[in-house]
Amino acid sequence: MTKADGKNQKKEMSTIDRRTGAERRRSERSKVTIDVEWETSSGRRAGTLSDISELGCFVLSDGDVEDGESVKIFLPLSDGMKVEFAARVTNHVFEIGFAGSFVDTTSAQKEFLTNFVELHKVD
């Protein structure tokens, strides 16, 4: 690869928006840094929430998931307990993490998420 080819490749890569189409967010996410656990049929893993809204979140983790896969995300409470949320993977980046949309949330879970987001958001 020539030097010019490398510059062209970098330019092309910087203009690609991988979030276009159906995966665009319907709700603004708040930046957070919260240690969480998440689980698939292959087991439970640790991760870090990097953003969250009432509709979904992004989990930083090197765990392997696929788009469309069902996951459980466990959000921590101050007393050490955890609240479980069902989610569907909407986008994953190998060895970085995945975006999940919460599914089948109850009214109590929605209220919890609203308060959780407000309490933990980083300006």
PDB file of N, CA and C in Angstrom:
ATOM      1  N   MET A   1       0.850  -1.174   0.000  1.00  0.00           N
ATOM      2  CA  MET A   1       0.000   0.000   0.000  1.00  0.00           C
ATOM      3  C   MET A   1       0.895   1.237   0.000  1.00  0.00           C
ATOM      4  N   THR A   2       0.587   2.169  -0.877  1.00  0.00           N
ATOM      5  CA  THR A   2       1.358   3.405  -0.942  1.00  0.00           C
ATOM      6  C   THR A   2       0.863   4.370   0.123  1.00  0.00           C
ATOM      7  N   LYS A   3       1.620   5.419   0.332  1.00  0.00           N
ATOM      8  CA  LYS A   3       1.233   6.438   1.299  1.00  0.00           C
ATOM      9  C   LYS A   3      -0.098   7.085   0.911  1.00  0.00           C
ATOM     10  N   ALA A   4      -0.278   7.324  -0.390  1.00  0.00           N
ATOM     11  CA  ALA A   4      -1.527   7.927  -0.882  1.00  0.00           C
ATOM     12  C   ALA A   4      -2.707   7.005  -0.642  1.00  0.00           C
ATOM     13  N   ASP A   5      -2.517   5.684  -0.852  1.00  0.00           N
ATOM     14  CA  ASP A   5      -3.594   4.721  -0.599  1.00  0.00           C
ATOM     15  C   ASP A   5      -4.020   4.751   0.862  1.00  0.00           C
ATOM     16  N   GLY A   6      -3.053   4.835   1.750  1.00  0.00           N
ATOM     17  CA  GLY A   6      -3.346   4.886   3.176  1.00  0.00           C
ATOM     18  C   GLY A   6      -4.160   6.111   3.545  1.00  0.00           C
ATOM     19  N   LYS A   7      -3.822   7.269   2.965  1.00  0.00           N
ATOM     20  CA  LYS A   7      -4.582   8.491   3.236  1.00  0.00           C
ATOM     21  C   LYS A   7      -6.006   8.373   2.732  1.00  0.00           C
ATOM     22  N   ASN A   8      -6.176   7.808   1.511  1.00  0.00           N
ATOM     23  CA  ASN A   8      -7.520   7.631   0.956  1.00  0.00           C
ATOM     24  C   ASN A   8      -8.342   6.683   1.811  1.00  0.00           C
ATOM     25  N   GLN A   9      -7.722   5.599   2.285  1.00  0.00           N
ATOM     26  CA  GLN A   9      -8.439   4.627   3.118  1.00  0.00           C
ATOM     27  C   GLN A   9      -8.882   5.289   4.421  1.00  0.00           C
ATOM     28  N   LYS A  10      -8.027   6.072   5.051  1.00  0.00           N
ATOM     29  CA  LYS A  10      -8.390   6.759   6.285  1.00  0.00           C
ATOM     30  C   LYS A  10      -9.542   7.722   6.047  1.00  0.00           C
ATOM     31  N   LYS A  11      -9.493   8.441   4.924  1.00  0.00           N
ATOM     32  CA  LYS A  11     -10.550   9.389   4.608  1.00  0.00           C
ATOM     33  C   LYS A  11     -11.876   8.659   4.414  1.00  0.00           C
ATOM     34  N   GLU A  12     -11.865   7.545   3.693  1.00  0.00           N
ATOM     35  CA  GLU A  12     -13.082   6.774   3.474  1.00  0.00           C
ATOM     36  C   GLU A  12     -13.626   6.234   4.782  1.00  0.00           C
ATOM     37  N   MET A  13     -12.773   5.736   5.655  1.00  0.00           N
ATOM     38  CA  MET A  13     -13.207   5.170   6.924  1.00  0.00           C
ATOM     39  C   MET A  13     -13.833   6.233   7.811  1.00  0.00           C
ATOM     40  N   SER A  14     -13.337   7.445   7.758  1.00  0.00           N
ATOM     41  CA  SER A  14     -13.847   8.480   8.649  1.00  0.00           C
ATOM     42  C   SER A  14     -15.227   8.982   8.236  1.00  0.00           C
ATOM     43  N   THR A  15     -15.653   8.711   7.008  1.00  0.00           N
ATOM     44  CA  THR A  15     -16.953   9.201   6.560  1.00  0.00           C
ATOM     45  C   THR A  15     -18.055   8.156   6.689  1.00  0.00           C
ATOM     46  N   ILE A  16     -17.743   6.959   7.096  1.00  0.00           N
ATOM     47  CA  ILE A  16     -18.747   5.904   7.251  1.00  0.00           C
ATOM     48  C   ILE A  16     -19.460   6.074   8.582  1.00  0.00           C
ATOM     49  N   ASP A  17     -20.786   6.141   8.555  1.00  0.00           N
ATOM     50  CA  ASP A  17     -21.581   6.221   9.778  1.00  0.00           C
ATOM     51  C   ASP A  17     -22.268   4.878   9.967  1.00  0.00           C
ATOM     52  N   ARG A  18     -21.755   4.059  10.863  1.00  0.00           N
ATOM     53  CA  ARG A  18     -22.297   2.711  11.051  1.00  0.00           C
ATOM     54  C   ARG A  18     -23.630   2.715  11.790  1.00  0.00           C
ATOM     55  N   ARG A  19     -24.089   3.862  12.246  1.00  0.00           N
ATOM     56  CA  ARG A  19     -25.324   3.930  13.016  1.00  0.00           C
ATOM     57  C   ARG A  19     -26.527   4.364  12.191  1.00  0.00           C
ATOM     58  N   THR A  20     -26.410   4.355  10.890  1.00  0.00           N
ATOM     59  CA  THR A  20     -27.520   4.804  10.066  1.00  0.00           C
ATOM     60  C   THR A  20     -28.618   3.749  10.019  1.00  0.00           C
ATOM     61  N   GLY A  21     -29.779   4.160   9.538  1.00  0.00           N
ATOM     62  CA  GLY A  21     -30.864   3.206   9.344  1.00  0.00           C
ATOM     63  C   GLY A  21     -31.621   2.911  10.621  1.00  0.00           C
ATOM     64  N   ALA A  22     -32.069   1.668  10.755  1.00  0.00           N
ATOM     65  CA  ALA A  22     -32.955   1.253  11.836  1.00  0.00           C
ATOM     66  C   ALA A  22     -32.309   1.344  13.213  1.00  0.00           C
ATOM     67  N   GLU A  23     -30.989   1.453  13.290  1.00  0.00           N
ATOM     68  CA  GLU A  23     -30.339   1.449  14.587  1.00  0.00           C
ATOM     69  C   GLU A  23     -30.142   2.843  15.166  1.00  0.00           C
ATOM     70  N   ARG A  24     -30.685   3.851  14.528  1.00  0.00           N
ATOM     71  CA  ARG A  24     -30.609   5.196  15.094  1.00  0.00           C
ATOM     72  C   ARG A  24     -31.384   5.236  16.400  1.00  0.00           C
ATOM     73  N   ARG A  25     -30.881   5.946  17.362  1.00  0.00           N
ATOM     74  CA  ARG A  25     -31.520   6.012  18.675  1.00  0.00           C
ATOM     75  C   ARG A  25     -32.801   6.821  18.623  1.00  0.00           C
ATOM     76  N   ARG A  26     -33.785   6.368  19.381  1.00  0.00           N
ATOM     77  CA  ARG A  26     -35.050   7.096  19.501  1.00  0.00           C
ATOM     78  C   ARG A  26     -35.064   7.959  20.748  1.00  0.00           C
ATOM     79  N   SER A  27     -34.036   7.840  21.589  1.00  0.00           N
ATOM     80  CA  SER A  27     -33.972   8.571  22.844  1.00  0.00           C
ATOM     81  C   SER A  27     -32.522   8.959  23.106  1.00  0.00           C
ATOM     82  N   GLU A  28     -32.317  10.169  23.605  1.00  0.00           N
ATOM     83  CA  GLU A  28     -30.961  10.623  23.905  1.00  0.00           C
ATOM     84  C   GLU A  28     -30.380   9.807  25.055  1.00  0.00           C
ATOM     85  N   ARG A  29     -29.154   9.361  24.888  1.00  0.00           N
ATOM     86  CA  ARG A  29     -28.492   8.604  25.945  1.00  0.00           C
ATOM     87  C   ARG A  29     -27.588   9.516  26.755  1.00  0.00           C
ATOM     88  N   SER A  30     -27.518   9.247  28.051  1.00  0.00           N
ATOM     89  CA  SER A  30     -26.656  10.001  28.961  1.00  0.00           C
ATOM     90  C   SER A  30     -25.367   9.235  29.180  1.00  0.00           C
ATOM     91  N   LYS A  31     -24.242   9.939  29.178  1.00  0.00           N
ATOM     92  CA  LYS A  31     -22.953   9.306  29.420  1.00  0.00           C
ATOM     93  C   LYS A  31     -22.843   8.932  30.899  1.00  0.00           C
ATOM     94  N   VAL A  32     -22.385   7.712  31.140  1.00  0.00           N
ATOM     95  CA  VAL A  32     -22.196   7.211  32.498  1.00  0.00           C
ATOM     96  C   VAL A  32     -20.957   6.323  32.514  1.00  0.00           C
ATOM     97  N   THR A  33     -20.498   5.984  33.679  1.00  0.00           N
ATOM     98  CA  THR A  33     -19.457   4.973  33.852  1.00  0.00           C
ATOM     99  C   THR A  33     -19.868   4.143  35.059  1.00  0.00           C
ATOM    100  N   ILE A  34     -20.494   2.999  34.775  1.00  0.00           N
ATOM    101  CA  ILE A  34     -21.045   2.167  35.847  1.00  0.00           C
ATOM    102  C   ILE A  34     -20.702   0.706  35.569  1.00  0.00           C
ATOM    103  N   ASP A  35     -20.111   0.053  36.550  1.00  0.00           N
ATOM    104  CA  ASP A  35     -19.834  -1.378  36.420  1.00  0.00           C
ATOM    105  C   ASP A  35     -21.136  -2.157  36.500  1.00  0.00           C
ATOM    106  N   VAL A  36     -21.329  -3.049  35.544  1.00  0.00           N
ATOM    107  CA  VAL A  36     -22.545  -3.858  35.478  1.00  0.00           C
ATOM    108  C   VAL A  36     -22.167  -5.314  35.190  1.00  0.00           C
ATOM    109  N   GLU A  37     -23.173  -6.164  35.269  1.00  0.00           N
ATOM    110  CA  GLU A  37     -23.034  -7.532  34.798  1.00  0.00           C
ATOM    111  C   GLU A  37     -24.053  -7.729  33.694  1.00  0.00           C
ATOM    112  N   TRP A  38     -23.742  -8.615  32.760  1.00  0.00           N
ATOM    113  CA  TRP A  38     -24.683  -8.951  31.696  1.00  0.00           C
ATOM    114  C   TRP A  38     -24.576 -10.449  31.431  1.00  0.00           C
ATOM    115  N   GLU A  39     -25.639 -10.990  30.852  1.00  0.00           N
ATOM    116  CA  GLU A  39     -25.704 -12.442  30.730  1.00  0.00           C
ATOM    117  C   GLU A  39     -26.377 -12.852  29.418  1.00  0.00           C
ATOM    118  N   THR A  40     -25.827 -13.896  28.817  1.00  0.00           N
ATOM    119  CA  THR A  40     -26.458 -14.559  27.674  1.00  0.00           C
ATOM    120  C   THR A  40     -26.583 -16.035  28.036  1.00  0.00           C
ATOM    121  N   SER A  41     -27.002 -16.832  27.089  1.00  0.00           N
ATOM    122  CA  SER A  41     -27.127 -18.273  27.343  1.00  0.00           C
ATOM    123  C   SER A  41     -25.773 -18.914  27.639  1.00  0.00           C
ATOM    124  N   SER A  42     -24.680 -18.234  27.289  1.00  0.00           N
ATOM    125  CA  SER A  42     -23.351 -18.804  27.547  1.00  0.00           C
ATOM    126  C   SER A  42     -22.744 -18.352  28.875  1.00  0.00           C
ATOM    127  N   GLY A  43     -23.486 -17.579  29.664  1.00  0.00           N
ATOM    128  CA  GLY A  43     -22.994 -17.215  30.986  1.00  0.00           C
ATOM    129  C   GLY A  43     -23.016 -15.728  31.265  1.00  0.00           C
ATOM    130  N   ARG A  44     -22.603 -15.388  32.485  1.00  0.00           N
ATOM    131  CA  ARG A  44     -22.605 -14.007  32.975  1.00  0.00           C
ATOM    132  C   ARG A  44     -21.201 -13.434  32.869  1.00  0.00           C
ATOM    133  N   ARG A  45     -21.133 -12.148  32.504  1.00  0.00           N
ATOM    134  CA  ARG A  45     -19.852 -11.465  32.347  1.00  0.00           C
ATOM    135  C   ARG A  45     -19.930 -10.074  32.968  1.00  0.00           C
ATOM    136  N   ALA A  46     -18.770  -9.501  33.211  1.00  0.00           N
ATOM    137  CA  ALA A  46     -18.680  -8.126  33.708  1.00  0.00           C
ATOM    138  C   ALA A  46     -18.554  -7.166  32.534  1.00  0.00           C
ATOM    139  N   GLY A  47     -19.028  -5.952  32.733  1.00  0.00           N
ATOM    140  CA  GLY A  47     -18.907  -4.914  31.720  1.00  0.00           C
ATOM    141  C   GLY A  47     -19.028  -3.555  32.375  1.00  0.00           C
ATOM    142  N   THR A  48     -18.929  -2.522  31.577  1.00  0.00           N
ATOM    143  CA  THR A  48     -19.080  -1.147  32.061  1.00  0.00           C
ATOM    144  C   THR A  48     -20.074  -0.432  31.170  1.00  0.00           C
ATOM    145  N   LEU A  49     -21.098   0.115  31.782  1.00  0.00           N
ATOM    146  CA  LEU A  49     -22.083   0.908  31.052  1.00  0.00           C
ATOM    147  C   LEU A  49     -21.422   2.223  30.675  1.00  0.00           C
ATOM    148  N   SER A  50     -21.455   2.581  29.381  1.00  0.00           N
ATOM    149  CA  SER A  50     -20.864   3.857  28.970  1.00  0.00           C
ATOM    150  C   SER A  50     -21.918   4.897  28.627  1.00  0.00           C
ATOM    151  N   ASP A  51     -23.125   4.453  28.299  1.00  0.00           N
ATOM    152  CA  ASP A  51     -24.244   5.377  28.152  1.00  0.00           C
ATOM    153  C   ASP A  51     -25.551   4.625  28.347  1.00  0.00           C
ATOM    154  N   ILE A  52     -26.600   5.397  28.697  1.00  0.00           N
ATOM    155  CA  ILE A  52     -27.886   4.773  29.003  1.00  0.00           C
ATOM    156  C   ILE A  52     -29.023   5.772  28.769  1.00  0.00           C
ATOM    157  N   SER A  53     -30.173   5.238  28.394  1.00  0.00           N
ATOM    158  CA  SER A  53     -31.410   6.012  28.323  1.00  0.00           C
ATOM    159  C   SER A  53     -32.523   5.098  28.825  1.00  0.00           C
ATOM    160  N   GLU A  54     -33.735   5.602  28.792  1.00  0.00           N
ATOM    161  CA  GLU A  54     -34.872   4.780  29.198  1.00  0.00           C
ATOM    162  C   GLU A  54     -35.136   3.650  28.200  1.00  0.00           C
ATOM    163  N   LEU A  55     -34.525   3.733  27.009  1.00  0.00           N
ATOM    164  CA  LEU A  55     -34.776   2.734  25.966  1.00  0.00           C
ATOM    165  C   LEU A  55     -33.632   1.753  25.733  1.00  0.00           C
ATOM    166  N   GLY A  56     -32.418   2.107  26.170  1.00  0.00           N
ATOM    167  CA  GLY A  56     -31.294   1.206  25.908  1.00  0.00           C
ATOM    168  C   GLY A  56     -30.000   1.706  26.510  1.00  0.00           C
ATOM    169  N   CYS A  57     -28.910   0.994  26.175  1.00  0.00           N
ATOM    170  CA  CYS A  57     -27.611   1.334  26.745  1.00  0.00           C
ATOM    171  C   CYS A  57     -26.494   0.767  25.882  1.00  0.00           C
ATOM    172  N   PHE A  58     -25.261   1.175  26.197  1.00  0.00           N
ATOM    173  CA  PHE A  58     -24.078   0.580  25.577  1.00  0.00           C
ATOM    174  C   PHE A  58     -23.217   0.013  26.682  1.00  0.00           C
ATOM    175  N   VAL A  59     -22.837  -1.271  26.522  1.00  0.00           N
ATOM    176  CA  VAL A  59     -22.022  -1.969  27.506  1.00  0.00           C
ATOM    177  C   VAL A  59     -20.641  -2.215  26.914  1.00  0.00           C
ATOM    178  N   LEU A  60     -19.618  -1.686  27.566  1.00  0.00           N
ATOM    179  CA  LEU A  60     -18.241  -1.964  27.175  1.00  0.00           C
ATOM    180  C   LEU A  60     -17.861  -3.321  27.747  1.00  0.00           C
ATOM    181  N   SER A  61     -17.470  -4.246  26.877  1.00  0.00           N
ATOM    182  CA  SER A  61     -17.097  -5.582  27.323  1.00  0.00           C
ATOM    183  C   SER A  61     -16.476  -6.335  26.158  1.00  0.00           C
ATOM    184  N   ASP A  62     -15.543  -7.216  26.481  1.00  0.00           N
ATOM    185  CA  ASP A  62     -14.924  -8.002  25.414  1.00  0.00           C
ATOM    186  C   ASP A  62     -15.699  -9.291  25.117  1.00  0.00           C
ATOM    187  N   GLY A  63     -16.851  -9.462  25.738  1.00  0.00           N
ATOM    188  CA  GLY A  63     -17.661 -10.650  25.493  1.00  0.00           C
ATOM    189  C   GLY A  63     -18.215 -10.660  24.075  1.00  0.00           C
ATOM    190  N   ASP A  64     -18.412 -11.848  23.541  1.00  0.00           N
ATOM    191  CA  ASP A  64     -18.867 -12.007  22.164  1.00  0.00           C
ATOM    192  C   ASP A  64     -20.387 -12.144  22.119  1.00  0.00           C
ATOM    193  N   VAL A  65     -21.055 -11.245  21.403  1.00  0.00           N
ATOM    194  CA  VAL A  65     -22.501 -11.297  21.195  1.00  0.00           C
ATOM    195  C   VAL A  65     -22.783 -11.070  19.720  1.00  0.00           C
ATOM    196  N   GLU A  66     -24.011 -11.342  19.320  1.00  0.00           N
ATOM    197  CA  GLU A  66     -24.428 -11.126  17.936  1.00  0.00           C
ATOM    198  C   GLU A  66     -25.617 -10.175  17.919  1.00  0.00           C
ATOM    199  N   ASP A  67     -25.749  -9.399  16.851  1.00  0.00           N
ATOM    200  CA  ASP A  67     -26.913  -8.537  16.695  1.00  0.00           C
ATOM    201  C   ASP A  67     -28.177  -9.390  16.760  1.00  0.00           C
ATOM    202  N   GLY A  68     -29.179  -8.921  17.500  1.00  0.00           N
ATOM    203  CA  GLY A  68     -30.431  -9.652  17.652  1.00  0.00           C
ATOM    204  C   GLY A  68     -30.456 -10.607  18.828  1.00  0.00           C
ATOM    205  N   GLU A  69     -29.311 -10.851  19.446  1.00  0.00           N
ATOM    206  CA  GLU A  69     -29.232 -11.787  20.574  1.00  0.00           C
ATOM    207  C   GLU A  69     -29.901 -11.196  21.818  1.00  0.00           C
ATOM    208  N   SER A  70     -30.545 -12.050  22.591  1.00  0.00           N
ATOM    209  CA  SER A  70     -31.156 -11.639  23.858  1.00  0.00           C
ATOM    210  C   SER A  70     -30.097 -11.638  24.949  1.00  0.00           C
ATOM    211  N   VAL A  71     -30.111 -10.572  25.757  1.00  0.00           N
ATOM    212  CA  VAL A  71     -29.190 -10.471  26.892  1.00  0.00           C
ATOM    213  C   VAL A  71     -29.962  -9.973  28.101  1.00  0.00           C
ATOM    214  N   LYS A  72     -29.418 -10.247  29.269  1.00  0.00           N
ATOM    215  CA  LYS A  72     -29.925  -9.678  30.513  1.00  0.00           C
ATOM    216  C   LYS A  72     -28.852  -8.715  31.001  1.00  0.00           C
ATOM    217  N   ILE A  73     -29.278  -7.538  31.409  1.00  0.00           N
ATOM    218  CA  ILE A  73     -28.346  -6.544  31.936  1.00  0.00           C
ATOM    219  C   ILE A  73     -28.751  -6.260  33.375  1.00  0.00           C
ATOM    220  N   PHE A  74     -27.781  -6.324  34.283  1.00  0.00           N
ATOM    221  CA  PHE A  74     -28.029  -6.165  35.708  1.00  0.00           C
ATOM    222  C   PHE A  74     -27.474  -4.819  36.168  1.00  0.00           C
ATOM    223  N   LEU A  75     -28.374  -3.893  36.482  1.00  0.00           N
ATOM    224  CA  LEU A  75     -27.972  -2.563  36.946  1.00  0.00           C
ATOM    225  C   LEU A  75     -27.862  -2.565  38.466  1.00  0.00           C
ATOM    226  N   PRO A  76     -26.779  -1.995  38.999  1.00  0.00           N
ATOM    227  CA  PRO A  76     -26.545  -2.036  40.448  1.00  0.00           C
ATOM    228  C   PRO A  76     -27.375  -1.025  41.222  1.00  0.00           C
ATOM    229  N   LEU A  77     -27.775  -1.438  42.406  1.00  0.00           N
ATOM    230  CA  LEU A  77     -28.404  -0.544  43.377  1.00  0.00           C
ATOM    231  C   LEU A  77     -27.361  -0.186  44.421  1.00  0.00           C
ATOM    232  N   SER A  78     -27.610   0.842  45.193  1.00  0.00           N
ATOM    233  CA  SER A  78     -26.636   1.290  46.191  1.00  0.00           C
ATOM    234  C   SER A  78     -26.420   0.277  47.308  1.00  0.00           C
ATOM    235  N   ASP A  79     -27.392  -0.619  47.539  1.00  0.00           N
ATOM    236  CA  ASP A  79     -27.262  -1.590  48.628  1.00  0.00           C
ATOM    237  C   ASP A  79     -26.601  -2.900  48.191  1.00  0.00           C
ATOM    238  N   GLY A  80     -26.060  -2.942  46.969  1.00  0.00           N
ATOM    239  CA  GLY A  80     -25.397  -4.144  46.480  1.00  0.00           C
ATOM    240  C   GLY A  80     -26.303  -5.064  45.685  1.00  0.00           C
ATOM    241  N   MET A  81     -27.599  -4.833  45.745  1.00  0.00           N
ATOM    242  CA  MET A  81     -28.545  -5.625  44.952  1.00  0.00           C
ATOM    243  C   MET A  81     -28.478  -5.155  43.488  1.00  0.00           C
ATOM    244  N   LYS A  82     -29.109  -5.925  42.599  1.00  0.00           N
ATOM    245  CA  LYS A  82     -29.115  -5.581  41.183  1.00  0.00           C
ATOM    246  C   LYS A  82     -30.527  -5.683  40.632  1.00  0.00           C
ATOM    247  N   VAL A  83     -30.833  -4.833  39.650  1.00  0.00           N
ATOM    248  CA  VAL A  83     -32.123  -4.882  38.958  1.00  0.00           C
ATOM    249  C   VAL A  83     -31.865  -5.453  37.564  1.00  0.00           C
ATOM    250  N   GLU A  84     -32.624  -6.469  37.199  1.00  0.00           N
ATOM    251  CA  GLU A  84     -32.439  -7.158  35.922  1.00  0.00           C
ATOM    252  C   GLU A  84     -33.322  -6.553  34.833  1.00  0.00           C
ATOM    253  N   PHE A  85     -32.715  -6.322  33.654  1.00  0.00           N
ATOM    254  CA  PHE A  85     -33.437  -5.842  32.482  1.00  0.00           C
ATOM    255  C   PHE A  85     -33.166  -6.764  31.309  1.00  0.00           C
ATOM    256  N   ALA A  86     -34.218  -7.109  30.576  1.00  0.00           N
ATOM    257  CA  ALA A  86     -34.062  -7.866  29.345  1.00  0.00           C
ATOM    258  C   ALA A  86     -33.749  -6.874  28.232  1.00  0.00           C
ATOM    259  N   ALA A  87     -32.849  -7.260  27.338  1.00  0.00           N
ATOM    260  CA  ALA A  87     -32.484  -6.388  26.221  1.00  0.00           C
ATOM    261  C   ALA A  87     -32.188  -7.237  24.990  1.00  0.00           C
ATOM    262  N   ARG A  88     -32.210  -6.581  23.861  1.00  0.00           N
ATOM    263  CA  ARG A  88     -31.844  -7.213  22.598  1.00  0.00           C
ATOM    264  C   ARG A  88     -30.661  -6.433  22.040  1.00  0.00           C
ATOM    265  N   VAL A  89     -29.618  -7.151  21.603  1.00  0.00           N
ATOM    266  CA  VAL A  89     -28.433  -6.512  21.039  1.00  0.00           C
ATOM    267  C   VAL A  89     -28.806  -5.888  19.694  1.00  0.00           C
ATOM    268  N   THR A  90     -28.590  -4.583  19.574  1.00  0.00           N
ATOM    269  CA  THR A  90     -28.906  -3.887  18.328  1.00  0.00           C
ATOM    270  C   THR A  90     -27.667  -3.603  17.498  1.00  0.00           C
ATOM    271  N   ASN A  91     -26.516  -3.634  18.142  1.00  0.00           N
ATOM    272  CA  ASN A  91     -25.263  -3.378  17.441  1.00  0.00           C
ATOM    273  C   ASN A  91     -24.127  -3.868  18.328  1.00  0.00           C
ATOM    274  N   HIS A  92     -23.156  -4.540  17.739  1.00  0.00           N
ATOM    275  CA  HIS A  92     -22.004  -4.966  18.531  1.00  0.00           C
ATOM    276  C   HIS A  92     -20.718  -4.640  17.793  1.00  0.00           C
ATOM    277  N   VAL A  93     -19.690  -4.361  18.565  1.00  0.00           N
ATOM    278  CA  VAL A  93     -18.365  -4.106  18.026  1.00  0.00           C
ATOM    279  C   VAL A  93     -17.438  -5.098  18.721  1.00  0.00           C
ATOM    280  N   PHE A  94     -16.876  -6.019  17.951  1.00  0.00           N
ATOM    281  CA  PHE A  94     -16.054  -7.092  18.491  1.00  0.00           C
ATOM    282  C   PHE A  94     -14.982  -6.551  19.426  1.00  0.00           C
ATOM    283  N   GLU A  95     -14.881  -7.143  20.604  1.00  0.00           N
ATOM    284  CA  GLU A  95     -13.908  -6.821  21.650  1.00  0.00           C
ATOM    285  C   GLU A  95     -14.030  -5.401  22.205  1.00  0.00           C
ATOM    286  N   ILE A  96     -15.133  -4.701  21.900  1.00  0.00           N
ATOM    287  CA  ILE A  96     -15.357  -3.372  22.483  1.00  0.00           C
ATOM    288  C   ILE A  96     -16.633  -3.363  23.307  1.00  0.00           C
ATOM    289  N   GLY A  97     -17.736  -3.839  22.718  1.00  0.00           N
ATOM    290  CA  GLY A  97     -18.983  -3.859  23.461  1.00  0.00           C
ATOM    291  C   GLY A  97     -20.188  -3.939  22.558  1.00  0.00           C
ATOM    292  N   PHE A  98     -21.344  -3.652  23.141  1.00  0.00           N
ATOM    293  CA  PHE A  98     -22.583  -3.774  22.377  1.00  0.00           C
ATOM    294  C   PHE A  98     -23.625  -2.777  22.867  1.00  0.00           C
ATOM    295  N   ALA A  99     -24.501  -2.408  21.925  1.00  0.00           N
ATOM    296  CA  ALA A  99     -25.666  -1.585  22.246  1.00  0.00           C
ATOM    297  C   ALA A  99     -26.836  -2.528  22.439  1.00  0.00           C
ATOM    298  N   GLY A 100     -27.620  -2.250  23.457  1.00  0.00           N
ATOM    299  CA  GLY A 100     -28.805  -3.062  23.718  1.00  0.00           C
ATOM    300  C   GLY A 100     -30.027  -2.197  23.888  1.00  0.00           C
ATOM    301  N   SER A 101     -31.135  -2.655  23.335  1.00  0.00           N
ATOM    302  CA  SER A 101     -32.426  -1.983  23.538  1.00  0.00           C
ATOM    303  C   SER A 101     -33.209  -2.779  24.564  1.00  0.00           C
ATOM    304  N   PHE A 102     -33.692  -2.101  25.585  1.00  0.00           N
ATOM    305  CA  PHE A 102     -34.481  -2.778  26.608  1.00  0.00           C
ATOM    306  C   PHE A 102     -35.793  -3.274  26.001  1.00  0.00           C
ATOM    307  N   VAL A 103     -36.204  -4.472  26.389  1.00  0.00           N
ATOM    308  CA  VAL A 103     -37.455  -5.054  25.878  1.00  0.00           C
ATOM    309  C   VAL A 103     -38.332  -5.482  27.047  1.00  0.00           C
ATOM    310  N   ASP A 104     -39.634  -5.444  26.814  1.00  0.00           N
ATOM    311  CA  ASP A 104     -40.617  -5.909  27.803  1.00  0.00           C
ATOM    312  C   ASP A 104     -40.456  -5.244  29.163  1.00  0.00           C
ATOM    313  N   THR A 105     -40.160  -3.939  29.175  1.00  0.00           N
ATOM    314  CA  THR A 105     -40.004  -3.249  30.463  1.00  0.00           C
ATOM    315  C   THR A 105     -41.376  -2.938  31.063  1.00  0.00           C
ATOM    316  N   THR A 106     -41.474  -3.149  32.351  1.00  0.00           N
ATOM    317  CA  THR A 106     -42.706  -2.833  33.079  1.00  0.00           C
ATOM    318  C   THR A 106     -42.730  -1.338  33.393  1.00  0.00           C
ATOM    319  N   SER A 107     -43.851  -0.845  33.856  1.00  0.00           N
ATOM    320  CA  SER A 107     -43.919   0.574  34.223  1.00  0.00           C
ATOM    321  C   SER A 107     -42.969   0.865  35.399  1.00  0.00           C
ATOM    322  N   ALA A 108     -42.823  -0.072  36.317  1.00  0.00           N
ATOM    323  CA  ALA A 108     -41.899   0.118  37.440  1.00  0.00           C
ATOM    324  C   ALA A 108     -40.452   0.173  36.940  1.00  0.00           C
ATOM    325  N   GLN A 109     -40.097  -0.668  35.968  1.00  0.00           N
ATOM    326  CA  GLN A 109     -38.747  -0.643  35.402  1.00  0.00           C
ATOM    327  C   GLN A 109     -38.495   0.660  34.650  1.00  0.00           C
ATOM    328  N   LYS A 110     -39.498   1.141  33.917  1.00  0.00           N
ATOM    329  CA  LYS A 110     -39.346   2.406  33.197  1.00  0.00           C
ATOM    330  C   LYS A 110     -39.101   3.553  34.169  1.00  0.00           C
ATOM    331  N   GLU A 111     -39.847   3.559  35.266  1.00  0.00           N
ATOM    332  CA  GLU A 111     -39.650   4.592  36.285  1.00  0.00           C
ATOM    333  C   GLU A 111     -38.256   4.474  36.903  1.00  0.00           C
ATOM    334  N   PHE A 112     -37.834   3.244  37.184  1.00  0.00           N
ATOM    335  CA  PHE A 112     -36.493   3.015  37.724  1.00  0.00           C
ATOM    336  C   PHE A 112     -35.439   3.566  36.768  1.00  0.00           C
ATOM    337  N   LEU A 113     -35.579   3.267  35.469  1.00  0.00           N
ATOM    338  CA  LEU A 113     -34.603   3.727  34.482  1.00  0.00           C
ATOM    339  C   LEU A 113     -34.538   5.257  34.422  1.00  0.00           C
ATOM    340  N   THR A 114     -35.691   5.895  34.448  1.00  0.00           N
ATOM    341  CA  THR A 114     -35.729   7.357  34.431  1.00  0.00           C
ATOM    342  C   THR A 114     -34.933   7.921  35.608  1.00  0.00           C
ATOM    343  N   ASN A 115     -35.165   7.383  36.793  1.00  0.00           N
ATOM    344  CA  ASN A 115     -34.449   7.839  37.995  1.00  0.00           C
ATOM    345  C   ASN A 115     -32.969   7.460  37.952  1.00  0.00           C
ATOM    346  N   PHE A 116     -32.664   6.255  37.483  1.00  0.00           N
ATOM    347  CA  PHE A 116     -31.286   5.766  37.388  1.00  0.00           C
ATOM    348  C   PHE A 116     -30.472   6.659  36.460  1.00  0.00           C
ATOM    349  N   VAL A 117     -31.036   6.989  35.306  1.00  0.00           N
ATOM    350  CA  VAL A 117     -30.356   7.844  34.336  1.00  0.00           C
ATOM    351  C   VAL A 117     -30.084   9.213  34.941  1.00  0.00           C
ATOM    352  N   GLU A 118     -31.095   9.789  35.566  1.00  0.00           N
ATOM    353  CA  GLU A 118     -30.946  11.124  36.177  1.00  0.00           C
ATOM    354  C   GLU A 118     -29.893  11.124  37.284  1.00  0.00           C
ATOM    355  N   LEU A 119     -29.853  10.088  38.076  1.00  0.00           N
ATOM    356  CA  LEU A 119     -28.916   9.985  39.191  1.00  0.00           C
ATOM    357  C   LEU A 119     -27.472   9.806  38.733  1.00  0.00           C
ATOM    358  N   HIS A 120     -27.265   9.055  37.651  1.00  0.00           N
ATOM    359  CA  HIS A 120     -25.908   8.671  37.243  1.00  0.00           C
ATOM    360  C   HIS A 120     -25.319   9.420  36.065  1.00  0.00           C
ATOM    361  N   LYS A 121     -26.089  10.255  35.409  1.00  0.00           N
ATOM    362  CA  LYS A 121     -25.552  10.886  34.189  1.00  0.00           C
ATOM    363  C   LYS A 121     -24.391  11.824  34.511  1.00  0.00           C
ATOM    364  N   VAL A 122     -23.440  11.842  33.579  1.00  0.00           N
ATOM    365  CA  VAL A 122     -22.259  12.694  33.688  1.00  0.00           C
ATOM    366  C   VAL A 122     -22.451  13.834  32.699  1.00  0.00           C
ATOM    367  N   ASP A 123     -22.340  15.063  33.171  1.00  0.00           N
ATOM    368  CA  ASP A 123     -22.546  16.219  32.271  1.00  0.00           C
ATOM    369  C   ASP A 123     -21.388  16.445  31.351  1.00  0.00           C
TER     370      ASP A 123
END
